[in-house]
């Protein structure tokens, strides 16, 4: 009988330790799953390199060698280069939230020499709503069956039928 009591107290201790370990594992799992995931996108130029470009007049080629290729170039003119950095955080399945955004504009004069280097605030950004209209196209709307059987009986290229 003593042996049975000895084993039962051993089993009770192991069960409570097992339950405590499982609870600890569950708490750690829940904590790490709710930690935000940080994503960084874009160009990450060094502040020292940007100050070098700002202080001296450089050609486009020299800026390319210092900072690398820009994230974007001006739409209507290639004398404006944009170096864009964005950092977002996403928790679980929620939408990502923008936490940091840096835009550095480098503008060149007509000769290709730096004219202006400035950091643009994220407040200057504007939300753009795309137009929901659909452009009509001319032509024949084919049904599913017409698309499926449309090529039956059409001669293969190179044959004279």
N, C-alpha and C. Protein backbone atom coordinates (compact mmCIF):
# COMPACT_ATOMS: atom_id res chain seq x y z
N UNK A 1 0.82 -1.19 0.00
CA UNK A 1 0.00 0.00 0.00
C UNK A 1 0.87 1.26 0.00
N UNK A 2 2.00 1.19 0.75
CA UNK A 2 2.89 2.34 0.80
C UNK A 2 3.44 2.66 -0.60
N UNK A 3 3.72 1.60 -1.34
CA UNK A 3 4.25 1.81 -2.69
C UNK A 3 3.24 2.52 -3.58
N UNK A 4 1.97 2.19 -3.43
CA UNK A 4 0.94 2.82 -4.24
C UNK A 4 0.84 4.30 -3.89
N UNK A 5 0.87 4.64 -2.59
CA UNK A 5 0.81 6.05 -2.18
C UNK A 5 2.04 6.81 -2.65
N UNK A 6 3.17 6.12 -2.60
CA UNK A 6 4.41 6.75 -3.05
C UNK A 6 4.32 7.11 -4.54
N UNK A 7 3.80 6.20 -5.36
CA UNK A 7 3.66 6.46 -6.79
C UNK A 7 2.57 7.50 -7.07
N UNK A 8 1.48 7.49 -6.32
CA UNK A 8 0.40 8.43 -6.57
C UNK A 8 0.84 9.87 -6.28
N UNK A 9 1.66 10.08 -5.24
CA UNK A 9 2.14 11.44 -4.98
C UNK A 9 3.14 11.86 -6.07
N UNK A 10 3.91 10.91 -6.57
CA UNK A 10 4.84 11.20 -7.66
C UNK A 10 4.06 11.58 -8.92
N UNK A 11 2.98 10.86 -9.20
CA UNK A 11 2.15 11.13 -10.37
C UNK A 11 1.48 12.50 -10.21
N UNK A 12 0.97 12.84 -9.03
CA UNK A 12 0.33 14.13 -8.81
C UNK A 12 1.30 15.28 -9.04
N UNK A 13 2.54 15.12 -8.59
CA UNK A 13 3.53 16.17 -8.78
C UNK A 13 3.84 16.32 -10.27
N UNK A 14 4.01 15.20 -10.95
CA UNK A 14 4.30 15.26 -12.38
C UNK A 14 3.13 15.87 -13.16
N UNK A 15 1.90 15.56 -12.78
CA UNK A 15 0.75 16.13 -13.47
C UNK A 15 0.70 17.64 -13.26
N UNK A 16 0.94 18.10 -12.05
CA UNK A 16 0.90 19.54 -11.80
C UNK A 16 2.05 20.24 -12.51
N UNK A 17 3.20 19.61 -12.58
CA UNK A 17 4.32 20.19 -13.30
C UNK A 17 4.03 20.23 -14.80
N UNK A 18 3.39 19.18 -15.30
CA UNK A 18 3.04 19.12 -16.70
C UNK A 18 2.02 20.22 -17.04
N UNK A 19 1.03 20.39 -16.19
CA UNK A 19 0.03 21.43 -16.41
C UNK A 19 0.69 22.81 -16.37
N UNK A 20 1.59 23.03 -15.42
CA UNK A 20 2.29 24.32 -15.32
C UNK A 20 3.15 24.57 -16.56
N UNK A 21 3.82 23.54 -17.04
CA UNK A 21 4.65 23.68 -18.24
C UNK A 21 3.78 23.98 -19.46
N UNK A 22 2.65 23.31 -19.57
CA UNK A 22 1.73 23.57 -20.69
C UNK A 22 1.19 24.99 -20.63
N UNK A 23 0.82 25.46 -19.46
CA UNK A 23 0.33 26.83 -19.32
C UNK A 23 1.42 27.85 -19.66
N UNK A 24 2.64 27.58 -19.22
CA UNK A 24 3.75 28.47 -19.54
C UNK A 24 3.99 28.51 -21.05
N UNK A 25 3.95 27.35 -21.67
CA UNK A 25 4.12 27.28 -23.12
C UNK A 25 3.01 28.05 -23.84
N UNK A 26 1.78 27.92 -23.37
CA UNK A 26 0.65 28.60 -23.97
C UNK A 26 0.78 30.11 -23.82
N UNK A 27 1.21 30.57 -22.66
CA UNK A 27 1.40 32.02 -22.44
C UNK A 27 2.50 32.55 -23.36
N UNK A 28 3.60 31.84 -23.47
CA UNK A 28 4.70 32.27 -24.36
C UNK A 28 4.24 32.29 -25.81
N UNK A 29 3.49 31.29 -26.21
CA UNK A 29 2.97 31.22 -27.58
C UNK A 29 2.04 32.39 -27.87
N UNK A 30 1.15 32.71 -26.95
CA UNK A 30 0.23 33.83 -27.15
C UNK A 30 0.97 35.16 -27.17
N UNK A 31 1.97 35.32 -26.34
CA UNK A 31 2.74 36.57 -26.31
C UNK A 31 3.48 36.80 -27.62
N UNK A 32 4.11 35.77 -28.13
CA UNK A 32 4.88 35.94 -29.36
C UNK A 32 4.00 36.07 -30.58
N UNK A 33 2.82 35.47 -30.57
CA UNK A 33 1.94 35.59 -31.72
C UNK A 33 1.32 36.97 -31.82
N UNK A 34 1.26 37.70 -30.73
CA UNK A 34 0.68 39.05 -30.75
C UNK A 34 1.75 40.13 -30.90
N UNK A 35 2.98 39.75 -31.01
CA UNK A 35 4.03 40.74 -31.21
C UNK A 35 3.91 41.29 -32.63
N UNK A 36 4.07 42.60 -32.80
CA UNK A 36 3.94 43.16 -34.15
C UNK A 36 5.09 42.75 -35.04
N UNK A 37 4.76 42.54 -36.31
CA UNK A 37 5.77 42.20 -37.31
C UNK A 37 6.14 43.50 -38.03
N UNK A 38 7.40 43.87 -37.96
CA UNK A 38 7.88 45.11 -38.56
C UNK A 38 8.45 44.81 -39.94
N UNK A 39 7.97 45.56 -40.93
CA UNK A 39 8.46 45.40 -42.30
C UNK A 39 9.04 46.72 -42.77
N UNK A 40 10.20 46.65 -43.38
CA UNK A 40 10.84 47.85 -43.92
C UNK A 40 10.93 47.70 -45.43
N UNK A 41 10.52 48.75 -46.12
CA UNK A 41 10.51 48.74 -47.57
C UNK A 41 11.20 49.98 -48.09
N UNK A 42 11.84 49.84 -49.21
CA UNK A 42 12.41 51.00 -49.87
C UNK A 42 13.91 51.12 -49.71
N UNK A 43 14.36 52.33 -49.80
CA UNK A 43 15.78 52.67 -49.82
C UNK A 43 16.19 53.19 -48.46
N UNK A 44 17.30 52.74 -47.91
CA UNK A 44 17.77 53.16 -46.60
C UNK A 44 19.13 53.83 -46.71
N UNK A 45 19.17 55.06 -47.24
CA UNK A 45 20.46 55.71 -47.37
C UNK A 45 20.98 56.19 -46.01
N UNK A 46 22.27 56.20 -45.89
CA UNK A 46 22.94 56.64 -44.67
C UNK A 46 22.82 58.16 -44.55
N UNK A 47 22.52 58.65 -43.34
CA UNK A 47 22.36 60.10 -43.12
C UNK A 47 23.65 60.85 -43.44
N UNK A 48 24.79 60.23 -43.18
CA UNK A 48 26.08 60.87 -43.47
C UNK A 48 26.25 61.06 -44.98
N UNK A 49 25.87 60.05 -45.75
CA UNK A 49 25.98 60.15 -47.21
C UNK A 49 25.05 61.22 -47.76
N UNK A 50 23.86 61.32 -47.19
CA UNK A 50 22.92 62.33 -47.64
C UNK A 50 23.46 63.73 -47.35
N UNK A 51 24.08 63.90 -46.18
CA UNK A 51 24.65 65.21 -45.85
C UNK A 51 25.81 65.55 -46.79
N UNK A 52 26.57 64.55 -47.22
CA UNK A 52 27.65 64.78 -48.19
C UNK A 52 27.08 65.26 -49.53
N UNK A 53 25.98 64.64 -49.94
CA UNK A 53 25.35 65.05 -51.19
C UNK A 53 24.78 66.46 -51.04
N UNK A 54 24.23 66.76 -49.87
CA UNK A 54 23.63 68.07 -49.62
C UNK A 54 24.68 69.18 -49.61
N UNK A 55 25.86 68.90 -49.07
CA UNK A 55 26.88 69.93 -48.90
C UNK A 55 27.67 70.21 -50.18
N UNK A 56 27.74 69.25 -51.07
CA UNK A 56 28.56 69.47 -52.28
C UNK A 56 27.69 69.33 -53.52
N UNK A 57 28.13 69.98 -54.56
CA UNK A 57 27.44 69.86 -55.85
C UNK A 57 27.95 68.60 -56.53
N UNK A 58 27.04 67.67 -56.78
CA UNK A 58 27.42 66.39 -57.39
C UNK A 58 26.64 66.18 -58.68
N UNK A 59 27.23 65.38 -59.55
CA UNK A 59 26.54 65.00 -60.78
C UNK A 59 25.61 63.82 -60.47
N UNK A 60 24.77 63.50 -61.42
CA UNK A 60 23.87 62.36 -61.25
C UNK A 60 24.65 61.07 -61.03
N UNK A 61 25.72 60.91 -61.78
CA UNK A 61 26.54 59.71 -61.67
C UNK A 61 27.15 59.59 -60.28
N UNK A 62 27.63 60.72 -59.72
CA UNK A 62 28.22 60.70 -58.39
C UNK A 62 27.17 60.37 -57.33
N UNK A 63 25.95 60.89 -57.49
CA UNK A 63 24.87 60.57 -56.55
C UNK A 63 24.52 59.09 -56.65
N UNK A 64 24.49 58.56 -57.87
CA UNK A 64 24.24 57.12 -58.05
C UNK A 64 25.28 56.28 -57.32
N UNK A 65 26.55 56.69 -57.41
CA UNK A 65 27.62 55.95 -56.75
C UNK A 65 27.52 56.06 -55.22
N UNK A 66 27.09 57.22 -54.72
CA UNK A 66 26.99 57.43 -53.27
C UNK A 66 25.78 56.74 -52.67
N UNK A 67 24.59 56.96 -53.27
CA UNK A 67 23.33 56.52 -52.66
C UNK A 67 22.69 55.32 -53.35
N UNK A 68 23.13 55.01 -54.55
CA UNK A 68 22.48 53.94 -55.29
C UNK A 68 21.35 54.50 -56.12
N UNK A 69 20.66 53.65 -56.84
CA UNK A 69 19.59 54.12 -57.71
C UNK A 69 18.40 54.58 -56.87
N UNK A 70 17.67 55.60 -57.34
CA UNK A 70 16.54 56.13 -56.58
C UNK A 70 15.35 55.18 -56.59
N UNK A 71 14.48 55.34 -55.60
CA UNK A 71 13.25 54.54 -55.56
C UNK A 71 12.31 54.94 -56.67
N UNK A 72 12.30 56.24 -56.98
CA UNK A 72 11.43 56.74 -58.05
C UNK A 72 12.09 57.95 -58.70
N UNK A 73 11.74 58.18 -59.96
CA UNK A 73 12.21 59.33 -60.70
C UNK A 73 10.98 60.12 -61.11
N UNK A 74 11.10 61.44 -61.18
CA UNK A 74 9.98 62.29 -61.53
C UNK A 74 9.25 61.80 -62.77
N UNK A 75 7.93 61.93 -62.78
CA UNK A 75 7.12 61.42 -63.88
C UNK A 75 7.35 62.19 -65.17
N UNK A 76 7.39 63.50 -65.08
CA UNK A 76 7.47 64.32 -66.28
C UNK A 76 8.89 64.79 -66.60
N UNK A 77 9.77 64.65 -65.65
CA UNK A 77 11.16 65.05 -65.87
C UNK A 77 12.06 64.15 -65.03
N UNK A 78 13.22 63.84 -65.54
CA UNK A 78 14.11 62.95 -64.79
C UNK A 78 15.10 63.72 -63.92
N UNK A 79 14.80 64.97 -63.63
CA UNK A 79 15.69 65.78 -62.78
C UNK A 79 15.29 65.74 -61.31
N UNK A 80 14.29 64.98 -60.97
CA UNK A 80 13.87 64.82 -59.57
C UNK A 80 13.97 63.34 -59.21
N UNK A 81 14.81 63.04 -58.23
CA UNK A 81 14.98 61.67 -57.76
C UNK A 81 14.43 61.59 -56.35
N UNK A 82 13.72 60.50 -56.09
CA UNK A 82 13.11 60.28 -54.78
C UNK A 82 13.69 59.00 -54.18
N UNK A 83 14.16 59.11 -52.94
CA UNK A 83 14.60 57.96 -52.17
C UNK A 83 13.57 57.77 -51.07
N UNK A 84 12.79 56.68 -51.15
CA UNK A 84 11.63 56.48 -50.29
C UNK A 84 11.88 55.32 -49.34
N UNK A 85 11.58 55.55 -48.06
CA UNK A 85 11.70 54.53 -47.02
C UNK A 85 10.37 54.44 -46.29
N UNK A 86 9.86 53.23 -46.08
CA UNK A 86 8.61 53.05 -45.33
C UNK A 86 8.78 51.90 -44.36
N UNK A 87 8.25 52.10 -43.16
CA UNK A 87 8.27 51.06 -42.14
C UNK A 87 6.84 50.86 -41.65
N UNK A 88 6.40 49.61 -41.65
CA UNK A 88 5.04 49.28 -41.19
C UNK A 88 5.09 48.23 -40.10
N UNK A 89 4.05 48.23 -39.29
CA UNK A 89 3.88 47.20 -38.26
C UNK A 89 2.54 46.53 -38.49
N UNK A 90 2.53 45.21 -38.35
CA UNK A 90 1.30 44.45 -38.49
C UNK A 90 1.18 43.49 -37.33
N UNK A 91 0.04 43.54 -36.65
CA UNK A 91 -0.23 42.64 -35.53
C UNK A 91 -1.25 41.62 -36.00
N UNK A 92 -0.88 40.36 -35.89
CA UNK A 92 -1.74 39.22 -36.25
C UNK A 92 -2.30 39.41 -37.66
N UNK A 93 -3.62 39.42 -37.77
CA UNK A 93 -4.27 39.50 -39.08
C UNK A 93 -4.79 40.90 -39.40
N UNK A 94 -4.46 41.88 -38.58
CA UNK A 94 -4.92 43.25 -38.82
C UNK A 94 -4.14 43.89 -39.97
N UNK A 95 -4.70 44.98 -40.49
CA UNK A 95 -4.04 45.72 -41.58
C UNK A 95 -2.72 46.31 -41.08
N UNK A 96 -1.70 46.37 -41.92
CA UNK A 96 -0.45 47.00 -41.51
C UNK A 96 -0.65 48.50 -41.26
N UNK A 97 0.09 49.03 -40.28
CA UNK A 97 0.01 50.44 -39.93
C UNK A 97 1.36 51.07 -40.25
N UNK A 98 1.33 52.19 -40.96
CA UNK A 98 2.55 52.91 -41.31
C UNK A 98 3.10 53.58 -40.06
N UNK A 99 4.32 53.23 -39.67
CA UNK A 99 4.92 53.81 -38.47
C UNK A 99 5.98 54.85 -38.78
N UNK A 100 6.62 54.73 -39.94
CA UNK A 100 7.68 55.67 -40.29
C UNK A 100 7.75 55.77 -41.81
N UNK A 101 7.92 56.99 -42.28
CA UNK A 101 8.04 57.21 -43.71
C UNK A 101 9.01 58.35 -43.95
N UNK A 102 10.03 58.11 -44.73
CA UNK A 102 11.00 59.14 -45.08
C UNK A 102 11.09 59.23 -46.59
N UNK A 103 11.01 60.45 -47.09
CA UNK A 103 11.16 60.68 -48.52
C UNK A 103 12.24 61.74 -48.68
N UNK A 104 13.27 61.41 -49.43
CA UNK A 104 14.35 62.36 -49.69
C UNK A 104 14.30 62.71 -51.17
N UNK A 105 14.16 64.00 -51.45
CA UNK A 105 14.09 64.49 -52.81
C UNK A 105 15.44 65.11 -53.17
N UNK A 106 15.98 64.65 -54.29
CA UNK A 106 17.20 65.26 -54.83
C UNK A 106 16.84 65.80 -56.20
N UNK A 107 17.01 67.11 -56.34
CA UNK A 107 16.66 67.76 -57.61
C UNK A 107 17.94 68.24 -58.29
N UNK A 108 18.00 68.02 -59.59
CA UNK A 108 19.16 68.39 -60.39
C UNK A 108 18.80 69.55 -61.30
N UNK A 109 19.80 70.36 -61.64
CA UNK A 109 19.58 71.44 -62.60
C UNK A 109 19.69 70.88 -64.02
N UNK A 110 19.61 71.75 -65.02
CA UNK A 110 19.66 71.33 -66.42
C UNK A 110 20.97 70.64 -66.80
N UNK A 111 22.06 70.97 -66.09
CA UNK A 111 23.36 70.38 -66.39
C UNK A 111 23.58 69.06 -65.65
N UNK A 112 22.62 68.64 -64.82
CA UNK A 112 22.74 67.37 -64.11
C UNK A 112 23.52 67.50 -62.80
N UNK A 113 23.59 68.71 -62.23
CA UNK A 113 24.28 68.95 -60.95
C UNK A 113 23.21 69.15 -59.88
N UNK A 114 23.47 68.62 -58.66
CA UNK A 114 22.47 68.74 -57.60
C UNK A 114 22.14 70.20 -57.33
N UNK A 115 20.85 70.48 -57.30
CA UNK A 115 20.36 71.83 -57.05
C UNK A 115 19.72 71.92 -55.66
N UNK A 116 19.00 70.84 -55.27
CA UNK A 116 18.28 70.85 -54.00
C UNK A 116 18.23 69.44 -53.45
N UNK A 117 18.48 69.32 -52.13
CA UNK A 117 18.33 68.06 -51.42
C UNK A 117 17.47 68.36 -50.20
N UNK A 118 16.31 67.72 -50.12
CA UNK A 118 15.42 67.99 -48.99
C UNK A 118 14.70 66.73 -48.55
N UNK A 119 14.33 66.72 -47.28
CA UNK A 119 13.54 65.63 -46.72
C UNK A 119 12.09 66.07 -46.72
N UNK A 120 11.24 65.29 -47.35
CA UNK A 120 9.83 65.63 -47.47
C UNK A 120 9.07 64.94 -46.34
N UNK A 121 8.24 65.69 -45.68
CA UNK A 121 7.44 65.16 -44.57
C UNK A 121 6.34 64.25 -45.09
N UNK A 122 5.95 63.30 -44.29
CA UNK A 122 4.86 62.41 -44.66
C UNK A 122 3.53 63.17 -44.67
N UNK A 123 3.49 64.32 -43.99
CA UNK A 123 2.27 65.13 -43.98
C UNK A 123 1.97 65.68 -45.37
N UNK A 124 2.97 65.80 -46.21
CA UNK A 124 2.78 66.33 -47.57
C UNK A 124 2.14 65.29 -48.49
N UNK A 125 2.10 64.04 -48.05
CA UNK A 125 1.52 62.98 -48.88
C UNK A 125 0.01 63.13 -48.94
N UNK A 126 -0.56 62.79 -50.09
CA UNK A 126 -2.00 62.87 -50.26
C UNK A 126 -2.53 61.50 -50.63
N UNK A 127 -3.70 61.17 -50.09
CA UNK A 127 -4.36 59.93 -50.47
C UNK A 127 -5.03 60.13 -51.83
N UNK A 128 -4.90 59.15 -52.68
CA UNK A 128 -5.48 59.22 -54.01
C UNK A 128 -6.56 58.15 -54.11
N UNK A 129 -7.75 58.58 -54.52
CA UNK A 129 -8.83 57.63 -54.71
C UNK A 129 -8.94 57.30 -56.19
N UNK A 130 -8.79 56.04 -56.55
CA UNK A 130 -8.93 55.69 -57.97
C UNK A 130 -10.38 55.83 -58.41
N UNK A 131 -10.57 56.14 -59.67
CA UNK A 131 -11.90 56.27 -60.24
C UNK A 131 -12.49 54.88 -60.42
N UNK A 132 -13.75 54.73 -60.05
CA UNK A 132 -14.38 53.40 -60.09
C UNK A 132 -15.04 53.09 -61.42
N UNK A 133 -14.99 54.03 -62.38
CA UNK A 133 -15.63 53.78 -63.68
C UNK A 133 -14.90 52.66 -64.43
N UNK A 134 -15.64 52.02 -65.31
CA UNK A 134 -15.08 50.96 -66.15
C UNK A 134 -15.09 51.45 -67.59
N UNK A 135 -13.97 51.30 -68.25
CA UNK A 135 -13.87 51.71 -69.64
C UNK A 135 -14.49 50.64 -70.52
N UNK A 136 -15.46 51.08 -71.35
CA UNK A 136 -16.10 50.14 -72.27
C UNK A 136 -15.13 49.81 -73.41
N UNK A 137 -15.17 48.58 -73.85
CA UNK A 137 -14.35 48.17 -74.99
C UNK A 137 -15.26 47.72 -76.11
N UNK A 138 -14.82 47.92 -77.30
CA UNK A 138 -15.60 47.50 -78.47
C UNK A 138 -15.29 46.04 -78.74
N UNK A 139 -16.23 45.37 -79.31
CA UNK A 139 -15.99 43.99 -79.66
C UNK A 139 -17.17 43.11 -79.28
N UNK A 140 -17.00 41.84 -79.47
CA UNK A 140 -18.06 40.87 -79.24
C UNK A 140 -17.80 40.16 -77.92
N UNK A 141 -18.80 40.15 -77.06
CA UNK A 141 -18.68 39.39 -75.81
C UNK A 141 -19.01 37.94 -76.11
N UNK A 142 -18.04 37.08 -75.90
CA UNK A 142 -18.22 35.66 -76.18
C UNK A 142 -18.71 34.95 -74.94
N UNK A 143 -19.63 34.01 -75.13
CA UNK A 143 -20.11 33.21 -74.02
C UNK A 143 -19.06 32.15 -73.69
N UNK A 144 -19.27 31.47 -72.59
CA UNK A 144 -18.35 30.42 -72.18
C UNK A 144 -18.24 29.33 -73.24
N UNK A 145 -19.38 28.91 -73.80
CA UNK A 145 -19.37 27.85 -74.81
C UNK A 145 -18.68 28.30 -76.08
N UNK A 146 -18.87 29.59 -76.48
CA UNK A 146 -18.19 30.10 -77.67
C UNK A 146 -16.68 30.10 -77.46
N UNK A 147 -16.25 30.44 -76.26
CA UNK A 147 -14.83 30.42 -75.98
C UNK A 147 -14.28 29.00 -75.98
N UNK A 148 -15.07 28.07 -75.44
CA UNK A 148 -14.63 26.69 -75.32
C UNK A 148 -14.54 26.01 -76.69
N UNK A 149 -15.56 26.19 -77.53
CA UNK A 149 -15.63 25.48 -78.80
C UNK A 149 -15.30 26.38 -80.00
N UNK A 150 -14.84 27.58 -79.79
CA UNK A 150 -14.60 28.53 -80.87
C UNK A 150 -13.53 28.10 -81.85
N UNK A 151 -12.57 27.31 -81.45
CA UNK A 151 -11.48 26.92 -82.33
C UNK A 151 -11.71 25.59 -83.03
N UNK A 152 -12.80 24.92 -82.75
CA UNK A 152 -13.07 23.65 -83.42
C UNK A 152 -13.32 23.89 -84.89
N UNK A 153 -12.69 23.13 -85.73
CA UNK A 153 -12.87 23.24 -87.16
C UNK A 153 -12.00 24.31 -87.82
N UNK A 154 -11.24 25.02 -87.03
CA UNK A 154 -10.34 26.03 -87.60
C UNK A 154 -9.07 25.31 -88.01
N UNK A 155 -8.62 25.61 -89.23
CA UNK A 155 -7.44 24.93 -89.77
C UNK A 155 -6.19 25.34 -89.01
N UNK A 156 -5.26 24.40 -88.90
CA UNK A 156 -3.98 24.69 -88.27
C UNK A 156 -3.12 25.51 -89.22
N UNK A 157 -2.23 26.32 -88.71
CA UNK A 157 -1.35 27.09 -89.60
C UNK A 157 -0.50 26.16 -90.44
N UNK A 158 -0.33 26.51 -91.69
CA UNK A 158 0.50 25.71 -92.59
C UNK A 158 -0.28 24.67 -93.34
N UNK A 159 -1.54 24.47 -93.03
CA UNK A 159 -2.35 23.51 -93.79
C UNK A 159 -3.26 24.28 -94.71
N UNK A 160 -3.64 23.70 -95.82
CA UNK A 160 -4.49 24.38 -96.79
C UNK A 160 -5.88 23.78 -96.75
N UNK A 161 -6.67 24.20 -95.83
CA UNK A 161 -8.05 23.73 -95.75
C UNK A 161 -8.99 24.90 -95.81
